[in-house]
Amino acid sequence: MSAAITVPKPIHSMIRVLDETRSVNFYRRAFGLDIADRFPFEGFTLVYLRNASSGFELELTINHDRTEPYDLGDGYGHIAFAVEDIEAEHARFEREELSPKPIKAFHRDGALMAKFFFVEDPDGYKIEVLQRHGRYG
């Protein structure tokens, strides 16, 4: 009899941000993420955001002495959120003045693979918003 394999559970992704209030406000308005926990330490604060659709969290790290924007480099790609109605979400982002990029569609082998748009948070992190469809459902 073989031992059961424990599969790791993804729990959070972390980004560094300059302004806690500005970032929390953006993620609440854009994705319905609310503060699940907040832990101030000497020199930095950790803020965990989540919504009711998933236990996965976004961890914001705020370094208290940081005044300059972070250099995001060329290694960071994006985090993605799936939504039921991409057109309605895009219109909502425009109403919220969140500056979404235009909706795009990828086709593969003659079929729709993905319909999406990008938005950037206040620190310049790219976020993809995808229509629930296929592998993104």
N, C-alpha and C. Protein backbone atom coordinates (compact mmCIF):
# COMPACT_ATOMS: atom_id res chain seq x y z
N MET A 1 0.84 -1.17 0.00
CA MET A 1 0.00 0.00 0.00
C MET A 1 0.89 1.24 0.00
N SER A 2 0.62 2.18 -0.92
CA SER A 2 1.43 3.38 -1.01
C SER A 2 0.86 4.47 -0.10
N ALA A 3 1.75 5.35 0.32
CA ALA A 3 1.33 6.46 1.18
C ALA A 3 0.57 7.49 0.34
N ALA A 4 -0.39 8.13 0.96
CA ALA A 4 -1.17 9.17 0.28
C ALA A 4 -0.27 10.36 -0.01
N ILE A 5 -0.43 10.92 -1.18
CA ILE A 5 0.33 12.10 -1.56
C ILE A 5 -0.46 13.35 -1.18
N THR A 6 0.19 14.24 -0.47
CA THR A 6 -0.44 15.50 -0.09
C THR A 6 -0.11 16.54 -1.16
N VAL A 7 -1.13 17.11 -1.76
CA VAL A 7 -0.94 18.11 -2.80
C VAL A 7 -0.90 19.49 -2.14
N PRO A 8 0.14 20.27 -2.44
CA PRO A 8 0.21 21.61 -1.86
C PRO A 8 -0.97 22.47 -2.30
N LYS A 9 -1.45 23.30 -1.40
CA LYS A 9 -2.57 24.19 -1.67
C LYS A 9 -2.03 25.61 -1.86
N PRO A 10 -2.28 26.24 -3.04
CA PRO A 10 -1.87 27.63 -3.19
C PRO A 10 -2.66 28.51 -2.21
N ILE A 11 -1.95 29.42 -1.50
CA ILE A 11 -2.65 30.22 -0.49
C ILE A 11 -2.58 31.73 -0.73
N HIS A 12 -1.45 32.23 -1.29
CA HIS A 12 -1.41 33.66 -1.57
C HIS A 12 -0.30 34.01 -2.55
N SER A 13 -0.41 35.20 -3.10
CA SER A 13 0.63 35.81 -3.90
C SER A 13 0.93 37.15 -3.25
N MET A 14 2.21 37.55 -3.22
CA MET A 14 2.59 38.78 -2.52
C MET A 14 3.11 39.82 -3.50
N ILE A 15 2.70 41.06 -3.30
CA ILE A 15 3.28 42.19 -4.03
C ILE A 15 3.61 43.29 -3.02
N ARG A 16 4.62 44.09 -3.36
CA ARG A 16 5.00 45.23 -2.53
C ARG A 16 4.31 46.47 -3.08
N VAL A 17 3.70 47.25 -2.20
CA VAL A 17 2.98 48.45 -2.60
C VAL A 17 3.43 49.63 -1.76
N LEU A 18 3.28 50.84 -2.31
CA LEU A 18 3.70 52.05 -1.59
C LEU A 18 2.66 52.54 -0.61
N ASP A 19 1.39 52.55 -1.01
CA ASP A 19 0.35 53.19 -0.22
C ASP A 19 -0.75 52.18 0.09
N GLU A 20 -0.83 51.78 1.34
CA GLU A 20 -1.80 50.76 1.75
C GLU A 20 -3.23 51.15 1.42
N THR A 21 -3.63 52.33 1.79
CA THR A 21 -5.02 52.77 1.57
C THR A 21 -5.37 52.77 0.10
N ARG A 22 -4.51 53.33 -0.72
CA ARG A 22 -4.73 53.40 -2.16
C ARG A 22 -4.85 52.00 -2.77
N SER A 23 -3.98 51.08 -2.36
CA SER A 23 -4.01 49.72 -2.91
C SER A 23 -5.22 48.93 -2.42
N VAL A 24 -5.54 49.02 -1.15
CA VAL A 24 -6.72 48.32 -0.61
C VAL A 24 -7.97 48.83 -1.32
N ASN A 25 -8.06 50.13 -1.51
CA ASN A 25 -9.21 50.72 -2.21
C ASN A 25 -9.31 50.19 -3.64
N PHE A 26 -8.20 50.15 -4.36
CA PHE A 26 -8.21 49.64 -5.74
C PHE A 26 -8.70 48.20 -5.78
N TYR A 27 -8.12 47.32 -4.98
CA TYR A 27 -8.49 45.89 -5.03
C TYR A 27 -9.91 45.64 -4.55
N ARG A 28 -10.40 46.47 -3.65
CA ARG A 28 -11.80 46.35 -3.21
C ARG A 28 -12.73 46.75 -4.36
N ARG A 29 -12.47 47.89 -4.98
CA ARG A 29 -13.31 48.37 -6.08
C ARG A 29 -13.22 47.48 -7.31
N ALA A 30 -12.03 47.04 -7.64
CA ALA A 30 -11.83 46.26 -8.86
C ALA A 30 -12.28 44.81 -8.73
N PHE A 31 -11.95 44.15 -7.62
CA PHE A 31 -12.15 42.71 -7.51
C PHE A 31 -12.92 42.25 -6.27
N GLY A 32 -13.46 43.18 -5.51
CA GLY A 32 -14.23 42.81 -4.33
C GLY A 32 -13.39 42.17 -3.24
N LEU A 33 -12.08 42.44 -3.24
CA LEU A 33 -11.20 41.89 -2.20
C LEU A 33 -11.27 42.79 -0.98
N ASP A 34 -11.47 42.17 0.16
CA ASP A 34 -11.50 42.90 1.42
C ASP A 34 -10.37 42.41 2.31
N ILE A 35 -10.06 43.19 3.31
CA ILE A 35 -8.99 42.81 4.24
C ILE A 35 -9.45 41.61 5.07
N ALA A 36 -8.68 40.53 4.97
CA ALA A 36 -8.92 39.33 5.77
C ALA A 36 -8.12 39.41 7.07
N ASP A 37 -6.90 39.94 6.96
CA ASP A 37 -6.03 40.12 8.12
C ASP A 37 -5.07 41.26 7.82
N ARG A 38 -4.63 41.90 8.89
CA ARG A 38 -3.64 42.98 8.78
C ARG A 38 -2.69 42.85 9.95
N PHE A 39 -1.38 42.79 9.64
CA PHE A 39 -0.38 42.57 10.67
C PHE A 39 0.72 43.63 10.58
N PRO A 40 0.65 44.67 11.45
CA PRO A 40 1.73 45.65 11.48
C PRO A 40 2.94 45.10 12.24
N PHE A 41 4.12 45.34 11.70
CA PHE A 41 5.39 44.98 12.33
C PHE A 41 6.25 46.23 12.34
N GLU A 42 7.36 46.16 13.04
CA GLU A 42 8.30 47.27 13.02
C GLU A 42 8.93 47.31 11.62
N GLY A 43 8.66 48.37 10.89
CA GLY A 43 9.27 48.54 9.58
C GLY A 43 8.41 48.14 8.40
N PHE A 44 7.39 47.32 8.62
CA PHE A 44 6.53 46.91 7.51
C PHE A 44 5.18 46.43 8.03
N THR A 45 4.21 46.37 7.12
CA THR A 45 2.87 45.86 7.43
C THR A 45 2.49 44.86 6.36
N LEU A 46 1.85 43.76 6.77
CA LEU A 46 1.31 42.76 5.85
C LEU A 46 -0.20 42.86 5.87
N VAL A 47 -0.81 42.98 4.69
CA VAL A 47 -2.26 43.03 4.56
C VAL A 47 -2.68 41.91 3.63
N TYR A 48 -3.59 41.04 4.11
CA TYR A 48 -4.08 39.92 3.31
C TYR A 48 -5.49 40.25 2.82
N LEU A 49 -5.67 40.18 1.50
CA LEU A 49 -6.96 40.49 0.87
C LEU A 49 -7.55 39.23 0.26
N ARG A 50 -8.88 39.09 0.36
CA ARG A 50 -9.58 37.97 -0.30
C ARG A 50 -11.03 38.33 -0.48
N ASN A 51 -11.71 37.50 -1.30
CA ASN A 51 -13.16 37.66 -1.45
C ASN A 51 -13.83 36.31 -1.25
N ALA A 52 -15.15 36.29 -1.29
CA ALA A 52 -15.90 35.08 -0.97
C ALA A 52 -15.77 33.99 -2.02
N SER A 53 -15.27 34.32 -3.22
CA SER A 53 -15.23 33.32 -4.29
C SER A 53 -14.07 32.34 -4.14
N SER A 54 -13.09 32.67 -3.29
CA SER A 54 -11.91 31.81 -3.20
C SER A 54 -11.20 32.05 -1.88
N GLY A 55 -10.50 31.06 -1.40
CA GLY A 55 -9.69 31.21 -0.21
C GLY A 55 -8.31 31.76 -0.53
N PHE A 56 -7.98 31.87 -1.83
CA PHE A 56 -6.69 32.41 -2.24
C PHE A 56 -6.62 33.88 -1.88
N GLU A 57 -5.47 34.31 -1.37
CA GLU A 57 -5.32 35.69 -0.92
C GLU A 57 -4.23 36.43 -1.68
N LEU A 58 -4.38 37.74 -1.72
CA LEU A 58 -3.33 38.62 -2.22
C LEU A 58 -2.72 39.28 -0.99
N GLU A 59 -1.42 39.10 -0.82
CA GLU A 59 -0.71 39.71 0.30
C GLU A 59 -0.06 41.00 -0.17
N LEU A 60 -0.43 42.11 0.47
CA LEU A 60 0.23 43.38 0.20
C LEU A 60 1.27 43.60 1.28
N THR A 61 2.50 43.89 0.87
CA THR A 61 3.56 44.21 1.81
C THR A 61 3.86 45.70 1.67
N ILE A 62 3.74 46.41 2.78
CA ILE A 62 4.00 47.84 2.79
C ILE A 62 5.23 48.07 3.66
N ASN A 63 6.35 48.45 3.03
CA ASN A 63 7.57 48.78 3.77
C ASN A 63 7.48 50.24 4.18
N HIS A 64 7.48 50.48 5.49
CA HIS A 64 7.19 51.81 6.03
C HIS A 64 8.16 52.90 5.56
N ASP A 65 9.42 52.55 5.33
CA ASP A 65 10.39 53.58 4.96
C ASP A 65 10.50 53.78 3.45
N ARG A 66 9.70 53.08 2.66
CA ARG A 66 9.78 53.17 1.20
C ARG A 66 9.01 54.38 0.71
N THR A 67 9.65 55.22 -0.09
CA THR A 67 8.99 56.40 -0.65
C THR A 67 8.99 56.39 -2.17
N GLU A 68 9.87 55.63 -2.78
CA GLU A 68 9.97 55.58 -4.24
C GLU A 68 9.21 54.37 -4.78
N PRO A 69 8.60 54.51 -5.96
CA PRO A 69 7.91 53.35 -6.56
C PRO A 69 8.87 52.19 -6.76
N TYR A 70 8.35 50.98 -6.66
CA TYR A 70 9.15 49.79 -6.87
C TYR A 70 9.44 49.61 -8.36
N ASP A 71 10.63 49.12 -8.66
CA ASP A 71 10.98 48.75 -10.02
C ASP A 71 10.43 47.34 -10.24
N LEU A 72 9.40 47.23 -11.08
CA LEU A 72 8.76 45.93 -11.28
C LEU A 72 9.60 45.01 -12.15
N GLY A 73 10.63 45.55 -12.79
CA GLY A 73 11.52 44.73 -13.60
C GLY A 73 10.81 44.11 -14.79
N ASP A 74 11.44 43.13 -15.38
CA ASP A 74 10.83 42.47 -16.53
C ASP A 74 10.48 41.02 -16.23
N GLY A 75 10.49 40.65 -14.97
CA GLY A 75 10.18 39.28 -14.60
C GLY A 75 8.73 39.07 -14.20
N TYR A 76 8.09 40.09 -13.65
CA TYR A 76 6.70 39.95 -13.23
C TYR A 76 5.80 39.91 -14.44
N GLY A 77 4.84 38.99 -14.44
CA GLY A 77 3.87 38.90 -15.52
C GLY A 77 2.56 39.53 -15.11
N HIS A 78 1.70 38.73 -14.48
CA HIS A 78 0.42 39.26 -14.01
C HIS A 78 -0.27 38.23 -13.13
N ILE A 79 -1.28 38.69 -12.43
CA ILE A 79 -2.20 37.82 -11.71
C ILE A 79 -3.51 37.90 -12.50
N ALA A 80 -4.34 36.87 -12.45
CA ALA A 80 -5.56 36.85 -13.25
C ALA A 80 -6.78 36.56 -12.39
N PHE A 81 -7.91 37.18 -12.78
CA PHE A 81 -9.20 36.95 -12.16
C PHE A 81 -10.18 36.55 -13.24
N ALA A 82 -11.02 35.55 -13.00
CA ALA A 82 -12.05 35.13 -13.96
C ALA A 82 -13.39 35.72 -13.54
N VAL A 83 -14.16 36.21 -14.55
CA VAL A 83 -15.46 36.82 -14.29
C VAL A 83 -16.51 36.21 -15.20
N GLU A 84 -17.77 36.34 -14.82
CA GLU A 84 -18.88 35.77 -15.59
C GLU A 84 -19.16 36.54 -16.87
N ASP A 85 -19.07 37.87 -16.84
CA ASP A 85 -19.46 38.69 -17.98
C ASP A 85 -18.38 39.74 -18.22
N ILE A 86 -17.50 39.48 -19.17
CA ILE A 86 -16.34 40.35 -19.40
C ILE A 86 -16.75 41.76 -19.83
N GLU A 87 -17.79 41.86 -20.67
CA GLU A 87 -18.23 43.18 -21.12
C GLU A 87 -18.79 44.00 -19.96
N ALA A 88 -19.59 43.37 -19.10
CA ALA A 88 -20.14 44.08 -17.95
C ALA A 88 -19.03 44.50 -16.98
N GLU A 89 -18.04 43.63 -16.77
CA GLU A 89 -16.93 43.98 -15.88
C GLU A 89 -16.12 45.12 -16.47
N HIS A 90 -15.87 45.08 -17.77
CA HIS A 90 -15.10 46.14 -18.41
C HIS A 90 -15.84 47.48 -18.25
N ALA A 91 -17.14 47.47 -18.47
CA ALA A 91 -17.94 48.69 -18.31
C ALA A 91 -17.90 49.17 -16.85
N ARG A 92 -17.95 48.24 -15.90
CA ARG A 92 -17.88 48.61 -14.48
C ARG A 92 -16.53 49.22 -14.15
N PHE A 93 -15.45 48.65 -14.68
CA PHE A 93 -14.12 49.21 -14.46
C PHE A 93 -14.03 50.63 -15.02
N GLU A 94 -14.64 50.85 -16.18
CA GLU A 94 -14.64 52.20 -16.76
C GLU A 94 -15.42 53.16 -15.86
N ARG A 95 -16.60 52.73 -15.37
CA ARG A 95 -17.39 53.58 -14.46
C ARG A 95 -16.61 53.91 -13.19
N GLU A 96 -15.85 52.93 -12.69
CA GLU A 96 -15.04 53.11 -11.48
C GLU A 96 -13.75 53.90 -11.75
N GLU A 97 -13.55 54.28 -13.04
CA GLU A 97 -12.35 55.02 -13.45
C GLU A 97 -11.07 54.27 -13.10
N LEU A 98 -11.08 52.95 -13.37
CA LEU A 98 -9.92 52.09 -13.11
C LEU A 98 -9.03 51.91 -14.34
N SER A 99 -9.39 52.57 -15.44
CA SER A 99 -8.58 52.60 -16.66
C SER A 99 -8.27 51.23 -17.25
N PRO A 100 -9.30 50.42 -17.52
CA PRO A 100 -9.03 49.12 -18.13
C PRO A 100 -8.57 49.29 -19.58
N LYS A 101 -7.72 48.38 -20.03
CA LYS A 101 -7.31 48.34 -21.44
C LYS A 101 -8.47 47.74 -22.24
N PRO A 102 -8.44 47.84 -23.56
CA PRO A 102 -9.53 47.27 -24.38
C PRO A 102 -9.65 45.74 -24.23
N ILE A 103 -10.86 45.25 -24.43
CA ILE A 103 -11.11 43.79 -24.41
C ILE A 103 -10.48 43.19 -25.66
N LYS A 104 -9.82 42.05 -25.47
CA LYS A 104 -9.20 41.32 -26.57
C LYS A 104 -9.68 39.88 -26.55
N ALA A 105 -9.53 39.21 -27.69
CA ALA A 105 -9.90 37.79 -27.78
C ALA A 105 -8.76 37.03 -28.44
N PHE A 106 -8.44 35.87 -27.87
CA PHE A 106 -7.47 34.95 -28.47
C PHE A 106 -8.24 33.78 -29.05
N HIS A 107 -7.89 33.42 -30.28
CA HIS A 107 -8.49 32.24 -30.90
C HIS A 107 -7.38 31.22 -31.17
N ARG A 108 -7.72 29.97 -31.04
CA ARG A 108 -6.78 28.88 -31.32
C ARG A 108 -7.54 27.80 -32.05
N ASP A 109 -6.99 27.37 -33.18
CA ASP A 109 -7.62 26.34 -34.00
C ASP A 109 -9.06 26.72 -34.35
N GLY A 110 -9.29 28.00 -34.62
CA GLY A 110 -10.60 28.47 -35.05
C GLY A 110 -11.63 28.64 -33.95
N ALA A 111 -11.24 28.43 -32.69
CA ALA A 111 -12.19 28.55 -31.57
C ALA A 111 -11.68 29.59 -30.57
N LEU A 112 -12.62 30.21 -29.87
CA LEU A 112 -12.25 31.17 -28.83
C LEU A 112 -11.51 30.45 -27.71
N MET A 113 -10.30 30.92 -27.43
CA MET A 113 -9.55 30.37 -26.30
C MET A 113 -9.73 31.25 -25.07
N ALA A 114 -9.66 32.58 -25.27
CA ALA A 114 -9.76 33.49 -24.13
C ALA A 114 -10.25 34.85 -24.59
N LYS A 115 -11.07 35.47 -23.75
CA LYS A 115 -11.52 36.85 -23.94
C LYS A 115 -11.16 37.58 -22.65
N PHE A 116 -10.46 38.71 -22.76
CA PHE A 116 -9.86 39.31 -21.58
C PHE A 116 -9.56 40.79 -21.78
N PHE A 117 -9.25 41.44 -20.65
CA PHE A 117 -8.65 42.78 -20.68
C PHE A 117 -7.66 42.87 -19.54
N PHE A 118 -6.79 43.84 -19.62
CA PHE A 118 -5.81 44.09 -18.56
C PHE A 118 -6.12 45.42 -17.88
N VAL A 119 -5.70 45.51 -16.64
CA VAL A 119 -5.77 46.74 -15.86
C VAL A 119 -4.50 46.76 -15.02
N GLU A 120 -4.08 47.95 -14.61
CA GLU A 120 -2.92 48.07 -13.73
C GLU A 120 -3.37 48.63 -12.39
N ASP A 121 -2.77 48.10 -11.31
CA ASP A 121 -3.08 48.64 -9.99
C ASP A 121 -2.29 49.92 -9.78
N PRO A 122 -2.47 50.61 -8.65
CA PRO A 122 -1.79 51.90 -8.44
C PRO A 122 -0.26 51.82 -8.48
N ASP A 123 0.31 50.63 -8.26
CA ASP A 123 1.77 50.48 -8.29
C ASP A 123 2.27 49.98 -9.63
N GLY A 124 1.37 49.79 -10.60
CA GLY A 124 1.78 49.37 -11.93
C GLY A 124 1.74 47.88 -12.18
N TYR A 125 1.27 47.08 -11.20
CA TYR A 125 1.16 45.64 -11.42
C TYR A 125 0.05 45.36 -12.42
N LYS A 126 0.35 44.52 -13.39
CA LYS A 126 -0.64 44.16 -14.40
C LYS A 126 -1.56 43.06 -13.88
N ILE A 127 -2.84 43.18 -14.18
CA ILE A 127 -3.85 42.21 -13.75
C ILE A 127 -4.70 41.88 -14.97
N GLU A 128 -4.87 40.59 -15.23
CA GLU A 128 -5.69 40.15 -16.35
C GLU A 128 -7.07 39.77 -15.83
N VAL A 129 -8.10 40.24 -16.51
CA VAL A 129 -9.48 39.90 -16.19
C VAL A 129 -10.00 39.07 -17.36
N LEU A 130 -10.33 37.80 -17.10
CA LEU A 130 -10.73 36.84 -18.12
C LEU A 130 -12.19 36.46 -18.01
N GLN A 131 -12.82 36.30 -19.16
CA GLN A 131 -14.17 35.73 -19.22
C GLN A 131 -14.08 34.26 -18.78
N ARG A 132 -14.97 33.82 -17.90
CA ARG A 132 -15.02 32.39 -17.56
C ARG A 132 -15.38 31.63 -18.82
N HIS A 133 -14.45 30.76 -19.25
CA HIS A 133 -14.65 30.03 -20.48
C HIS A 133 -13.53 28.99 -20.60
N GLY A 134 -13.88 27.80 -21.01
CA GLY A 134 -12.86 26.77 -21.22
C GLY A 134 -12.00 26.55 -20.00
N ARG A 135 -10.70 26.60 -20.19
CA ARG A 135 -9.79 26.35 -19.07
C ARG A 135 -9.81 27.46 -18.04
N TYR A 136 -10.41 28.60 -18.38
CA TYR A 136 -10.48 29.73 -17.46
C TYR A 136 -11.84 29.80 -16.75
N GLY A 137 -12.59 28.73 -16.79
CA GLY A 137 -13.93 28.70 -16.20
C GLY A 137 -13.92 28.46 -14.80
